[in-house]
Amino acid sequence: MSGISAKQLAFLSQYGYDPALQQRWQADVAAGRLAKASNLVAGELLAPPPGTLKKLPGAATKASKELERLGNEAIARGEFGVVVLNGGMATRFGGVVKGVVPVLDKDRSFLGLVLEDVKKAEARAGGKVPVFLMNSFATDAATKQHFAEHDGFGFDPARLSHFTQFVQLRMTKKGGLFRLADGETSPYGPGHGDFAPALRQSGLLKRFRDGGGKYLFVRNVDNLGARIDPVILGHHIRSKQDATVELAPKWPEDVGGAPFQLGGKVQLVEQLRFPEGFDPSIVDVFNTNTFTFTAAALDRDFDLGWYFVEKTVEEKKAVQIEHLIGELTVHLPTNWLQVRRSGRQNRFLPIKAPDDLQSAQDEIVEMYDGAPETG
């Protein structure tokens, strides 16, 4: 491809770089077919119908215990796995790959806490839980080194798998390849919408299903609230839907996507698609980017939209095109579940910058080291 050295093309090709897709995007950006305006929904966004959004039954109730039983039995049978979205560009922690950053002490990083949570779930249910890490070209090597340095956190290496999201190249607003100060092109991961195709292409989805796997819990590496809950797994199983989306109560300062009715179907719509003047407060919850999927439903191609995103790189505006995991809800029957956002059972505690770690330290200790809730 013009403008890319053979050496860089060989590097990009390791991560599924698609030259034809890149050329198409460049033409579409140059012609204005991909722009901020092309992101916007075509149609009216409405609140979901009454009864669409579900809540878990109260703790220690008969209904809750039944869901917990369903979830734990699935884990015990080896039907449950965890996918950690550990990709992106590792920029908000000063260029350090976020998953390897210490959270509670030097041996308890974001990724270390993921495995602590998995081992607790295994001990409760008596089963084995495979873990799949979706890294990016920017996080893959550091992530693998981190596990090597910590002896895999005592987790069975046969049940820990790495796969990588894809890679494309940033562009200028005129559709040319964006160049860094040293003249090199600027690669990036084109969004967490890579999850389903990358997992499938890696062969790990087939391996999981062939081994009896039925359900995949998908979470961001930096959401410390996104822990395994057999009650939520049971709720997903009981719903008989292909996807469960965890939704948090919306606070006044919150921005982000949420479930809206569009064209007669309830689906996740992210903020970059809101039309001008739209009031998102018609829905009082938002997307936490935490999901449970029925694995068989992911074993096919999905036509996800591509969206125009501007980033500042080396103090210049760059364009990248991304797709979104939440758009799977357009294609899959979906269970919408409102979860807690406070207390020890908080399921939404995202850590986006180093200052967040410090301010949330007491809450993190309570969530991971506090005595189990009873009653």
Protein backbone atom coordinates (compact mmCIF):
# COMPACT_ATOMS: atom_id res chain seq x y z
CA MET A 1 0.00 0.00 0.00
CA SER A 2 1.30 3.45 -0.92
CA GLY A 3 2.90 5.37 1.95
CA ILE A 4 3.58 2.33 4.14
CA SER A 5 6.99 0.69 4.28
CA ALA A 6 7.30 -3.05 3.78
CA LYS A 7 8.57 -3.35 7.35
CA GLN A 8 5.55 -1.56 8.82
CA LEU A 9 3.13 -3.47 6.60
CA ALA A 10 4.63 -6.74 7.89
CA PHE A 11 4.13 -5.53 11.48
CA LEU A 12 0.54 -4.42 10.85
CA SER A 13 -0.30 -7.67 9.10
CA GLN A 14 0.38 -9.59 12.34
CA TYR A 15 -2.68 -7.88 13.82
CA GLY A 16 -5.16 -8.28 10.99
CA TYR A 17 -4.54 -5.01 9.15
CA ASP A 18 -6.90 -4.65 6.19
CA PRO A 19 -5.40 -2.47 3.39
CA ALA A 20 -8.59 -2.54 1.31
CA LEU A 21 -10.66 -1.33 4.27
CA GLN A 22 -8.10 1.41 4.93
CA GLN A 23 -8.27 2.63 1.33
CA ARG A 24 -12.06 2.62 1.43
CA TRP A 25 -12.06 4.68 4.62
CA GLN A 26 -9.60 7.17 3.17
CA ALA A 27 -11.82 7.67 0.14
CA ASP A 28 -14.93 7.99 2.33
CA VAL A 29 -13.28 10.50 4.68
CA ALA A 30 -11.99 12.54 1.72
CA ALA A 31 -15.48 12.60 0.18
CA GLY A 32 -17.25 13.37 3.46
CA ARG A 33 -19.11 10.05 3.50
CA LEU A 34 -17.40 9.31 6.82
CA ALA A 35 -17.68 12.37 9.07
CA LYS A 36 -19.21 13.43 12.36
CA ALA A 37 -22.50 13.93 10.55
CA SER A 38 -22.47 10.35 9.20
CA ASN A 39 -22.35 9.04 12.78
CA LEU A 40 -25.81 10.36 13.62
CA VAL A 41 -28.80 8.05 13.86
CA ALA A 42 -31.37 8.10 11.11
CA GLY A 43 -34.64 8.13 12.98
CA GLU A 44 -36.07 9.17 16.32
CA LEU A 45 -34.56 7.92 19.58
CA LEU A 46 -37.26 6.94 22.07
CA ALA A 47 -37.18 5.62 25.62
CA PRO A 48 -37.51 1.82 25.85
CA PRO A 49 -41.04 0.53 26.46
CA PRO A 50 -42.06 0.06 30.12
CA GLY A 51 -40.78 -3.20 31.54
CA THR A 52 -37.80 -3.45 29.18
CA LEU A 53 -35.20 -2.73 31.85
CA LYS A 54 -34.94 -5.42 34.52
CA LYS A 55 -33.51 -5.42 38.05
CA LEU A 56 -32.12 -8.28 40.09
CA PRO A 57 -34.27 -9.64 42.90
CA GLY A 58 -33.31 -8.63 46.42
CA ALA A 59 -30.35 -10.39 48.02
CA ALA A 60 -31.12 -13.58 49.97
CA THR A 61 -34.61 -13.84 48.47
CA LYS A 62 -35.81 -17.14 47.04
CA ALA A 63 -35.65 -15.69 43.51
CA SER A 64 -32.07 -14.48 44.02
CA LYS A 65 -30.95 -17.85 45.42
CA GLU A 66 -32.48 -19.62 42.44
CA LEU A 67 -30.58 -17.39 39.98
CA GLU A 68 -27.40 -17.91 41.99
CA ARG A 69 -27.91 -21.67 41.79
CA LEU A 70 -28.37 -21.51 38.02
CA GLY A 71 -25.21 -19.44 37.61
CA ASN A 72 -23.04 -21.54 39.91
CA GLU A 73 -24.19 -24.77 38.30
CA ALA A 74 -23.22 -23.42 34.86
CA ILE A 75 -19.78 -22.44 36.21
CA ALA A 76 -19.37 -25.87 37.84
CA ARG A 77 -20.14 -27.56 34.49
CA GLY A 78 -17.40 -25.53 32.75
CA GLU A 79 -19.88 -23.54 30.67
CA PHE A 80 -18.65 -20.06 31.66
CA GLY A 81 -15.67 -17.99 30.51
CA VAL A 82 -14.39 -14.43 30.97
CA VAL A 83 -13.23 -12.04 28.24
CA VAL A 84 -11.24 -8.98 29.33
CA LEU A 85 -11.13 -6.01 26.95
CA ASN A 86 -7.48 -5.11 27.44
CA GLY A 87 -6.76 -3.39 24.15
CA GLY A 88 -6.69 0.21 23.03
CA MET A 89 -3.65 2.45 23.05
CA ALA A 90 -2.64 2.63 26.73
CA THR A 91 -2.47 6.43 26.69
CA ARG A 92 -4.30 7.65 29.81
CA PHE A 93 -1.78 6.28 32.30
CA GLY A 94 1.16 8.16 30.78
CA GLY A 95 1.77 5.54 28.14
CA VAL A 96 1.81 2.65 30.63
CA VAL A 97 -0.38 -0.33 29.74
CA LYS A 98 -3.24 0.09 32.20
CA GLY A 99 -3.83 -3.59 32.92
CA VAL A 100 -0.37 -3.96 34.49
CA VAL A 101 -0.69 -0.92 36.80
CA PRO A 102 -0.75 -1.79 40.54
CA VAL A 103 -4.15 -1.16 42.12
CA LEU A 104 -3.92 -2.29 45.75
CA ASP A 105 -0.22 -3.19 45.95
CA LYS A 106 2.58 -4.03 43.53
CA ASP A 107 1.30 -7.59 43.05
CA ARG A 108 -2.38 -6.69 42.66
CA SER A 109 -2.72 -4.98 39.31
CA PHE A 110 -5.91 -4.55 37.28
CA LEU A 111 -5.20 -7.89 35.60
CA GLY A 112 -4.17 -9.48 38.88
CA LEU A 113 -7.51 -8.52 40.40
CA VAL A 114 -9.32 -10.03 37.40
CA LEU A 115 -7.71 -13.38 38.17
CA GLU A 116 -8.38 -13.05 41.90
CA ASP A 117 -12.04 -12.63 41.03
CA VAL A 118 -12.00 -15.65 38.72
CA LYS A 119 -10.39 -17.85 41.38
CA LYS A 120 -13.02 -16.77 43.93
CA ALA A 121 -15.80 -17.68 41.48
CA GLU A 122 -14.20 -21.06 40.86
CA ALA A 123 -13.93 -21.74 44.59
CA ARG A 124 -17.61 -20.82 45.13
CA ALA A 125 -18.93 -22.95 42.30
CA GLY A 126 -16.38 -25.73 42.15
CA GLY A 127 -15.68 -25.29 38.42
CA LYS A 128 -12.94 -24.04 36.12
CA VAL A 129 -13.22 -20.71 34.29
CA PRO A 130 -11.14 -19.94 31.20
CA VAL A 131 -9.97 -16.35 30.73
CA PHE A 132 -9.45 -14.68 27.35
CA LEU A 133 -7.57 -11.37 27.13
CA MET A 134 -8.23 -9.18 24.08
CA ASN A 135 -5.01 -7.20 23.83
CA SER A 136 -3.96 -4.72 21.16
CA PHE A 137 -0.66 -4.32 19.33
CA ALA A 138 0.11 -1.67 21.98
CA THR A 139 -0.68 -3.82 25.03
CA ASP A 140 0.08 -7.40 23.98
CA ALA A 141 3.79 -7.67 24.77
CA ALA A 142 3.59 -5.78 28.08
CA THR A 143 0.61 -7.85 29.18
CA LYS A 144 2.35 -11.16 28.49
CA GLN A 145 5.51 -9.91 30.25
CA HIS A 146 3.41 -8.89 33.26
CA PHE A 147 2.03 -12.41 33.62
CA ALA A 148 5.50 -13.90 33.25
CA GLU A 149 6.89 -11.59 35.96
CA HIS A 150 4.09 -12.59 38.37
CA ASP A 151 4.13 -16.33 37.59
CA GLY A 152 0.72 -16.00 36.02
CA PHE A 153 -0.75 -14.92 39.39
CA GLY A 154 -1.02 -18.60 40.27
CA PHE A 155 -3.60 -19.19 37.54
CA ASP A 156 -3.50 -22.29 35.35
CA PRO A 157 -1.75 -21.11 32.14
CA ALA A 158 -3.72 -23.65 30.12
CA ARG A 159 -6.87 -21.65 30.91
CA LEU A 160 -5.43 -18.21 30.11
CA SER A 161 -5.44 -17.18 26.43
CA HIS A 162 -4.40 -14.01 24.65
CA PHE A 163 -5.80 -12.78 21.36
CA THR A 164 -5.47 -9.39 19.70
CA GLN A 165 -7.90 -6.91 18.31
CA PHE A 166 -7.23 -5.62 14.83
CA VAL A 167 -5.24 -2.57 13.74
CA GLN A 168 -5.75 0.23 11.23
CA LEU A 169 -4.06 3.58 10.54
CA ARG A 170 -5.14 7.05 11.58
CA MET A 171 -5.97 9.57 8.89
CA THR A 172 -6.05 13.30 8.40
CA LYS A 173 -9.38 15.07 8.06
CA LYS A 174 -8.76 15.12 4.30
CA GLY A 175 -8.37 11.36 4.14
CA GLY A 176 -4.60 11.10 3.88
CA LEU A 177 -2.52 8.95 6.20
CA PHE A 178 -1.77 10.77 9.44
CA ARG A 179 1.97 11.11 10.05
CA LEU A 180 3.77 11.40 13.36
CA ALA A 181 6.60 13.86 13.90
CA ASP A 182 9.11 11.18 12.83
CA GLY A 183 7.25 10.64 9.58
CA GLU A 184 5.80 7.26 10.55
CA THR A 185 2.14 6.38 10.18
CA SER A 186 0.01 6.13 13.36
CA PRO A 187 -1.63 2.75 14.06
CA TYR A 188 -4.58 2.30 16.44
CA GLY A 189 -7.09 -0.34 17.50
CA PRO A 190 -10.44 0.30 15.78
CA GLY A 191 -12.67 -0.13 18.83
CA HIS A 192 -14.05 -2.84 21.09
CA GLY A 193 -16.38 -3.83 18.28
CA ASP A 194 -13.39 -6.03 17.33
CA PHE A 195 -14.31 -8.38 20.18
CA ALA A 196 -16.62 -10.84 18.40
CA PRO A 197 -14.76 -11.13 15.07
CA ALA A 198 -11.31 -11.20 16.71
CA LEU A 199 -12.32 -13.91 19.20
CA ARG A 200 -13.86 -15.95 16.41
CA GLN A 201 -10.93 -15.48 14.02
CA SER A 202 -8.44 -16.45 16.73
CA GLY A 203 -10.06 -19.88 17.02
CA LEU A 204 -10.68 -19.35 20.74
CA LEU A 205 -14.46 -19.10 20.38
CA LYS A 206 -14.54 -22.49 18.65
CA ARG A 207 -12.23 -23.99 21.27
CA PHE A 208 -14.42 -22.64 24.07
CA ARG A 209 -17.59 -24.01 22.51
CA ASP A 210 -16.01 -27.36 21.64
CA GLY A 211 -15.02 -27.69 25.31
CA GLY A 212 -18.61 -27.21 26.47
CA GLY A 213 -18.50 -23.42 26.89
CA LYS A 214 -21.86 -21.68 26.63
CA TYR A 215 -21.60 -18.23 28.25
CA LEU A 216 -19.03 -15.43 28.04
CA PHE A 217 -18.75 -12.58 30.52
CA VAL A 218 -17.16 -9.56 28.79
CA ARG A 219 -15.74 -6.63 30.76
CA ASN A 220 -13.33 -3.71 30.49
CA VAL A 221 -10.00 -4.23 32.26
CA ASP A 222 -10.39 -0.89 34.07
CA ASN A 223 -13.90 -1.40 35.48
CA LEU A 224 -13.09 -2.74 38.95
CA GLY A 225 -16.79 -3.25 39.64
CA ALA A 226 -17.21 -5.78 36.84
CA ARG A 227 -16.79 -8.98 38.82
CA ILE A 228 -18.26 -12.43 38.27
CA ASP A 229 -21.72 -12.72 39.81
CA PRO A 230 -23.53 -16.07 39.50
CA VAL A 231 -26.83 -14.25 40.06
CA ILE A 232 -26.27 -12.18 36.91
CA LEU A 233 -25.23 -15.28 34.99
CA GLY A 234 -28.38 -16.99 36.24
CA HIS A 235 -30.44 -13.98 35.16
CA HIS A 236 -28.93 -14.23 31.69
CA ILE A 237 -29.65 -17.95 31.48
CA ARG A 238 -33.21 -17.50 32.76
CA SER A 239 -33.86 -14.66 30.27
CA LYS A 240 -33.18 -17.00 27.30
CA GLN A 241 -31.69 -14.02 25.46
CA ASP A 242 -28.36 -14.00 23.59
CA ALA A 243 -26.96 -10.89 25.30
CA THR A 244 -27.28 -9.29 28.71
CA VAL A 245 -26.24 -5.65 29.01
CA GLU A 246 -25.41 -4.22 32.42
CA LEU A 247 -26.75 -0.68 32.88
CA ALA A 248 -25.82 1.71 35.68
CA PRO A 249 -28.01 4.46 37.15
CA LYS A 250 -27.14 7.75 35.47
CA TRP A 251 -25.75 10.55 37.63
CA PRO A 252 -25.96 14.21 36.57
CA GLU A 253 -22.38 14.45 35.27
CA ASP A 254 -22.53 11.17 33.31
CA VAL A 255 -22.25 10.96 29.54
CA GLY A 256 -22.30 7.89 27.36
CA GLY A 257 -24.46 5.46 25.49
CA ALA A 258 -27.73 3.98 26.69
CA PRO A 259 -30.58 1.76 25.48
CA PHE A 260 -33.01 3.56 23.21
CA GLN A 261 -35.77 2.41 20.95
CA LEU A 262 -34.76 3.09 17.35
CA GLY A 263 -36.75 1.85 14.37
CA GLY A 264 -38.90 -0.27 16.65
CA LYS A 265 -35.95 -2.09 18.31
CA VAL A 266 -34.30 -1.38 21.66
CA GLN A 267 -30.54 -1.16 21.19
CA LEU A 268 -27.47 0.49 22.67
CA VAL A 269 -26.82 3.85 21.05
CA GLU A 270 -23.58 5.62 21.94
CA GLN A 271 -23.30 9.35 22.50
CA LEU A 272 -21.44 10.04 19.25
CA ARG A 273 -24.60 9.02 17.41
CA PHE A 274 -27.01 11.35 19.22
CA PRO A 275 -28.60 13.92 16.90
CA GLU A 276 -28.03 17.61 17.61
CA GLY A 277 -30.24 18.88 20.41
CA PHE A 278 -31.21 15.38 21.59
CA ASP A 279 -31.96 15.06 25.32
CA PRO A 280 -30.51 11.69 26.51
CA SER A 281 -32.07 12.15 29.97
CA ILE A 282 -35.21 10.41 28.67
CA VAL A 283 -33.35 7.27 29.81
CA ASP A 284 -31.96 7.28 33.36
CA VAL A 285 -29.37 4.51 32.93
CA PHE A 286 -26.30 4.13 30.73
CA ASN A 287 -24.05 1.44 29.27
CA THR A 288 -21.26 0.10 31.53
CA ASN A 289 -19.67 -1.92 28.69
CA THR A 290 -20.16 -5.09 30.73
CA PHE A 291 -21.98 -7.94 28.99
CA THR A 292 -22.87 -11.61 29.20
CA PHE A 293 -23.21 -13.34 25.84
CA THR A 294 -24.42 -16.75 24.81
CA ALA A 295 -21.32 -18.00 22.99
CA ALA A 296 -23.16 -19.77 20.16
CA ALA A 297 -24.80 -16.48 19.17
CA LEU A 298 -21.39 -14.88 18.57
CA ASP A 299 -20.30 -17.54 16.08
CA ARG A 300 -21.26 -15.60 12.95
CA ASP A 301 -20.48 -12.38 11.10
CA PHE A 302 -21.98 -9.11 12.31
CA ASP A 303 -22.43 -5.99 10.19
CA LEU A 304 -21.47 -3.32 12.74
CA GLY A 305 -21.40 0.34 11.79
CA TRP A 306 -18.17 2.30 11.38
CA TYR A 307 -17.97 5.67 13.15
CA PHE A 308 -15.83 8.78 12.69
CA VAL A 309 -13.81 9.76 15.79
CA GLU A 310 -11.37 12.63 16.18
CA LYS A 311 -8.32 12.28 18.43
CA THR A 312 -5.51 14.66 19.32
CA VAL A 313 -2.17 13.04 18.54
CA GLU A 314 1.06 15.00 19.03
CA GLU A 315 -1.09 18.14 19.34
CA LYS A 316 -2.67 17.59 15.93
CA LYS A 317 -6.15 16.37 15.00
CA ALA A 318 -6.28 12.82 13.69
CA VAL A 319 -9.22 10.75 12.46
CA GLN A 320 -9.86 7.14 13.35
CA ILE A 321 -12.78 4.93 12.39
CA GLU A 322 -14.18 2.66 15.09
CA HIS A 323 -16.93 0.13 15.71
CA LEU A 324 -18.68 -0.62 18.99
CA ILE A 325 -19.33 -3.82 20.92
CA GLY A 326 -22.67 -2.45 22.13
CA GLU A 327 -24.00 -2.50 18.59
CA LEU A 328 -24.24 -6.27 18.85
CA THR A 329 -27.58 -5.48 20.55
CA VAL A 330 -28.93 -4.50 17.12
CA HIS A 331 -28.42 -8.10 16.02
CA LEU A 332 -28.99 -10.17 19.17
CA PRO A 333 -32.04 -10.64 21.40
CA THR A 334 -31.03 -8.69 24.49
CA ASN A 335 -31.70 -8.76 28.23
CA TRP A 336 -31.40 -5.26 29.76
CA LEU A 337 -30.28 -5.35 33.39
CA GLN A 338 -29.91 -2.39 35.75
CA VAL A 339 -27.16 -3.06 38.30
CA ARG A 340 -25.89 -1.37 41.45
CA ARG A 341 -23.47 1.52 41.37
CA SER A 342 -22.64 1.88 45.06
CA GLY A 343 -21.61 -0.24 48.02
CA ARG A 344 -19.67 -3.49 48.04
CA GLN A 345 -21.84 -4.83 45.19
CA ASN A 346 -21.07 -1.82 42.98
CA ARG A 347 -20.63 -3.07 39.41
CA PHE A 348 -19.41 0.16 37.82
CA LEU A 349 -16.13 1.58 39.11
CA PRO A 350 -14.12 2.62 36.04
CA ILE A 351 -10.56 3.86 36.56
CA LYS A 352 -9.68 6.14 33.66
CA ALA A 353 -6.69 8.05 35.08
CA PRO A 354 -4.17 7.67 37.94
CA ASP A 355 -6.08 10.18 40.10
CA ASP A 356 -9.14 7.89 39.94
CA LEU A 357 -7.14 5.11 41.58
CA GLN A 358 -6.24 7.30 44.52
CA SER A 359 -9.72 8.74 45.06
CA ALA A 360 -11.38 5.31 44.86
CA GLN A 361 -8.86 3.43 47.00
CA ASP A 362 -11.13 2.94 50.04
CA GLU A 363 -13.99 1.69 47.87
CA ILE A 364 -11.66 -0.70 46.01
CA VAL A 365 -10.37 -2.16 49.30
CA GLU A 366 -13.94 -2.63 50.52
CA MET A 367 -14.98 -4.34 47.27
CA TYR A 368 -12.04 -6.72 47.04
CA ASP A 369 -11.00 -7.26 50.66
CA GLY A 370 -14.16 -6.53 52.68
CA ALA A 371 -16.09 -9.26 54.44
CA PRO A 372 -18.75 -10.88 52.22
CA GLU A 373 -22.20 -9.38 52.44
CA THR A 374 -24.84 -11.51 54.14
CA GLY A 375 -28.59 -11.34 54.32
